Amino acid sequence: MTNCWNWGGYVAKNGYGRLWDKENKCKVLAHRFYYRKLVGKIPSGLLVCHRCDNRKCVNPEHLFLGTWSDNNKDAYNKKRHIPRISKGELNPNAKLSKDDVVHLRERYITENITQIQLANEFKISKSHVSNLIREKGGYWCDYGDIK
């Protein structure tokens, strides 16, 4: 196998490279971004997994598509399984959908509305509104191209 291509940008605490996709206006894991750019579409619901187990690696030769089950089996077989908490609207405690967040941001930009008014309307805290507007904790691209 060829050498890893370690992502040189921001790396989150969980060890995965992360970037802002300007074209799609969302956060994305670096290995998913590079897979999509260099290999092709990612069918909806599939993960981009690492053969090399290096979370910073974006080498397309080290990446493969798989289901959650495939990735969990791979992790278990390699003795590196770490439970994952769902993000965004997949989290059972989510109060907003991705469309809600887009709508909230658009209203803040285009209307004369305060963050407190948006918080009351969407039934979330003002700090949550502020984070969404500043795109902290915002939605991620999943690049699920095939529905």
Foldseek 3Di string as FASTA:
>chain_A
DDDFDFAPDDADPVQFDWDQDPVVGFIETLLLVLCCVPPHFAAPQKDWDACVPRRRGNPNVRTDIDHPVVRQVVCVVVVNDDDDADAAPVHPPHLDHLVRLVVLLVCVVPHPDALVRSCVVSVHDSVVSVCSNVVNSHDHDPRNPHD
